[in-house]
N, C-alpha and C. Protein backbone atom coordinates (compact mmCIF):
# COMPACT_ATOMS: atom_id res chain seq x y z
N MET A 1 45.32 99.17 103.93
CA MET A 1 45.59 97.67 104.56
C MET A 1 45.65 97.62 105.81
N ARG A 2 45.44 97.04 107.07
CA ARG A 2 46.69 96.58 107.80
C ARG A 2 47.27 95.39 107.75
N VAL A 3 48.72 95.53 108.11
CA VAL A 3 49.47 94.76 108.29
C VAL A 3 49.39 93.25 108.65
N THR A 4 48.51 93.39 109.39
CA THR A 4 47.95 91.37 109.96
C THR A 4 47.30 91.05 108.88
N ASN A 5 46.96 91.52 107.79
CA ASN A 5 46.52 91.24 106.88
C ASN A 5 47.36 90.01 104.93
N ARG A 6 48.36 91.42 105.48
CA ARG A 6 49.68 91.25 104.60
C ARG A 6 50.60 89.75 105.09
N ILE A 7 50.81 90.23 106.41
CA ILE A 7 51.28 89.37 107.58
C ILE A 7 50.75 87.61 107.19
N SER A 8 49.51 87.49 107.37
CA SER A 8 48.58 86.55 106.81
C SER A 8 48.76 85.89 105.18
N THR A 9 48.79 86.71 104.97
CA THR A 9 48.85 86.47 103.41
C THR A 9 50.28 85.75 103.10
N LEU A 10 51.15 86.27 103.99
CA LEU A 10 52.77 85.72 103.92
C LEU A 10 53.34 84.66 104.57
N ILE A 11 52.32 84.22 105.89
CA ILE A 11 52.21 83.06 106.19
C ILE A 11 51.83 81.90 105.03
N SER A 12 50.46 82.20 104.62
CA SER A 12 49.77 81.45 103.60
C SER A 12 50.76 81.13 102.61
N ALA A 13 51.44 81.76 101.91
CA ALA A 13 52.00 81.79 100.71
C ALA A 13 53.06 80.40 101.39
N PHE A 14 53.46 80.57 102.58
CA PHE A 14 55.08 79.49 102.36
C PHE A 14 54.20 78.63 103.61
N GLY A 15 52.91 78.74 103.48
CA GLY A 15 52.12 77.19 103.70
C GLY A 15 51.96 76.42 102.88
N VAL A 16 51.93 76.95 101.70
CA VAL A 16 51.31 76.28 100.91
C VAL A 16 52.62 75.33 100.39
N LEU A 17 54.18 76.22 100.57
CA LEU A 17 54.81 75.89 100.21
C LEU A 17 55.22 74.92 100.76
N ALA A 18 55.49 74.79 102.06
CA ALA A 18 54.91 73.84 102.76
C ALA A 18 54.26 72.04 102.48
N ALA A 19 53.00 72.69 102.26
CA ALA A 19 52.26 71.70 102.30
C ALA A 19 52.64 71.03 100.67
N LEU A 20 53.79 72.04 100.04
CA LEU A 20 53.67 71.18 98.68
C LEU A 20 55.20 70.34 98.73
N MET A 21 56.05 70.50 99.90
CA MET A 21 56.55 69.60 99.19
C MET A 21 56.12 68.33 100.72
N PHE A 22 55.25 68.31 101.51
CA PHE A 22 54.71 67.51 101.69
C PHE A 22 54.10 66.54 100.86
N LEU A 23 53.41 67.10 100.28
CA LEU A 23 52.92 66.36 99.21
C LEU A 23 53.62 65.70 97.91
N ILE A 24 54.84 66.19 97.85
CA ILE A 24 55.86 65.56 97.06
C ILE A 24 56.96 64.05 97.83
N PHE A 25 56.52 64.53 98.84
CA PHE A 25 57.05 63.57 99.85
C PHE A 25 56.20 62.48 99.95
N ALA A 26 55.00 62.69 99.76
CA ALA A 26 53.64 61.32 99.94
C ALA A 26 53.72 61.18 98.87
N ILE A 27 54.19 61.53 97.41
CA ILE A 27 53.42 61.11 96.17
C ILE A 27 55.20 59.86 96.26
N ARG A 28 56.29 60.63 96.80
CA ARG A 28 57.09 59.73 96.51
C ARG A 28 57.14 58.57 97.44
N GLU A 29 56.54 58.74 98.93
CA GLU A 29 56.66 57.13 99.31
C GLU A 29 55.03 56.49 98.96
N TYR A 30 54.46 56.71 98.89
CA TYR A 30 53.14 56.19 97.79
C TYR A 30 54.06 55.03 96.73
N ARG A 31 54.41 55.75 96.01
CA ARG A 31 55.23 55.27 94.41
C ARG A 31 56.17 53.97 95.70
N ALA A 32 56.60 54.49 97.06
CA ALA A 32 57.65 53.63 97.08
C ALA A 32 56.52 52.02 97.95
N GLY A 33 55.45 52.21 97.58
CA GLY A 33 54.45 51.52 98.48
C GLY A 33 53.50 51.63 99.66
N SER A 34 54.05 52.49 100.43
CA SER A 34 53.55 52.94 101.51
C SER A 34 51.58 52.93 101.31
N SER A 35 50.52 53.53 101.76
CA SER A 35 49.45 53.20 101.86
C SER A 35 49.30 54.95 101.14
N VAL A 36 47.46 54.19 100.51
CA VAL A 36 47.20 55.24 99.52
C VAL A 36 46.71 56.78 100.95
N LEU A 37 46.24 56.10 101.78
CA LEU A 37 46.40 57.28 102.85
C LEU A 37 47.44 58.23 103.19
N VAL A 38 48.66 58.04 103.24
CA VAL A 38 49.90 58.92 103.06
C VAL A 38 49.40 60.02 101.50
N PHE A 39 49.09 59.87 100.53
CA PHE A 39 48.79 60.50 99.23
C PHE A 39 47.56 61.10 99.84
N GLY A 40 46.34 60.72 99.98
CA GLY A 40 45.05 61.31 100.65
C GLY A 40 45.75 62.49 101.31
N LEU A 41 46.35 62.13 102.02
CA LEU A 41 46.57 63.28 103.20
C LEU A 41 46.83 64.21 102.92
N GLY A 42 48.01 63.87 102.22
CA GLY A 42 49.18 64.96 101.01
C GLY A 42 47.92 65.92 100.68
N ILE A 43 47.38 66.00 99.72
CA ILE A 43 46.61 66.52 99.50
C ILE A 43 45.47 67.47 99.73
N PHE A 44 45.14 66.40 101.06
CA PHE A 44 44.01 67.40 102.11
C PHE A 44 44.93 68.55 102.84
N VAL A 45 45.92 68.46 102.86
CA VAL A 45 46.84 69.29 103.17
C VAL A 45 47.17 70.73 102.63
N PHE A 46 47.57 70.00 101.17
CA PHE A 46 48.29 70.61 100.03
C PHE A 46 46.56 71.67 99.75
N ALA A 47 45.57 70.94 99.61
CA ALA A 47 44.32 71.62 99.79
C ALA A 47 43.68 72.67 100.38
N GLY A 48 44.02 72.37 101.89
CA GLY A 48 44.43 73.86 103.17
C GLY A 48 44.83 74.62 103.00
N ALA A 49 46.08 74.43 102.68
CA ALA A 49 46.32 75.76 102.96
C ALA A 49 46.40 76.47 101.33
N VAL A 50 46.00 75.84 99.76
CA VAL A 50 45.73 76.52 98.91
C VAL A 50 44.58 77.63 98.86
N TYR A 51 43.69 76.65 100.07
CA TYR A 51 42.11 77.37 100.40
C TYR A 51 42.39 78.87 101.05
N ALA A 52 43.50 78.20 101.94
CA ALA A 52 43.57 79.37 102.85
C ALA A 52 44.77 80.57 102.66
N LEU A 53 45.33 80.61 101.83
CA LEU A 53 46.02 80.99 100.75
C LEU A 53 44.86 82.27 100.02
N ILE A 54 43.91 81.63 98.94
CA ILE A 54 42.81 81.97 98.18
C ILE A 54 42.12 82.96 99.08
N ARG A 55 41.99 82.77 100.75
CA ARG A 55 40.89 83.35 101.16
C ARG A 55 41.69 84.94 101.82
N ASP A 56 43.17 84.38 101.87
CA ASP A 56 43.90 85.90 102.02
C ASP A 56 43.77 86.63 100.73
N ILE A 57 44.26 86.26 100.19
CA ILE A 57 44.11 86.94 98.80
C ILE A 57 42.60 87.88 99.05
N ARG A 58 42.12 86.94 98.87
CA ARG A 58 40.49 87.61 98.83
C ARG A 58 40.96 88.83 100.15
N THR A 59 41.07 88.61 101.15
CA THR A 59 40.32 88.99 102.17
C THR A 59 41.25 90.59 101.96
N GLN A 60 42.35 90.57 101.73
CA GLN A 60 43.68 91.55 101.16
C GLN A 60 43.33 92.36 100.47
N ALA A 61 43.02 91.94 99.12
CA ALA A 61 41.99 92.46 97.78
C ALA A 61 40.81 93.65 97.98
N LYS A 62 39.72 92.81 98.99
CA LYS A 62 38.67 93.59 99.30
C LYS A 62 38.65 94.62 100.40
N GLY A 63 39.57 94.41 100.95
CA GLY A 63 40.09 95.87 101.94
C GLY A 63 41.04 96.31 101.38
N SER A 64 41.85 96.67 100.00
CA SER A 64 42.08 97.55 99.61
C SER A 64 41.84 98.37 98.81
N ASP A 65 40.61 98.33 98.42
CA ASP A 65 39.51 98.30 97.20
C ASP A 65 39.08 100.31 97.82
N PRO A 66 38.95 100.87 97.54
CA PRO A 66 38.63 101.95 98.16
C PRO A 66 37.01 102.79 98.26
N GLU A 67 36.47 102.02 97.18
CA GLU A 67 35.00 102.17 96.32
C GLU A 67 34.12 101.39 97.79
N ARG A 68 34.64 99.88 98.12
CA ARG A 68 33.80 99.08 99.03
C ARG A 68 34.31 99.65 100.55
N THR A 69 34.71 99.77 100.66
CA THR A 69 35.13 100.57 102.19
C THR A 69 34.89 102.24 102.36
N ALA A 70 34.16 102.57 101.58
CA ALA A 70 34.01 103.53 102.47
C ALA A 70 31.98 103.37 101.87
N GLY A 71 31.14 102.21 101.53
CA GLY A 71 30.36 102.52 102.17
C GLY A 71 29.60 102.96 100.85
N HIS A 72 28.41 102.35 100.10
CA HIS A 72 27.31 103.12 99.48
C HIS A 72 26.85 104.06 100.22
N ARG A 73 26.73 105.30 98.40
CA ARG A 73 25.94 106.76 98.77
C ARG A 73 24.54 106.61 97.95
């Protein structure tokens, strides 16, 4: 497995944490009377960060399987 895949997964994990903090902020602002667009943006950003993390984990898992990378015989 390449080091760049591990780094990408680590960055995506921190991105999910940052997106979660933004989502919590958006929920608090929405409850305080802000527009529903803030809440929608928070959900959108969080969903995008989770998608990126899942994509990186799948890429990392696919690259670590020796049978998949060796080819078919």
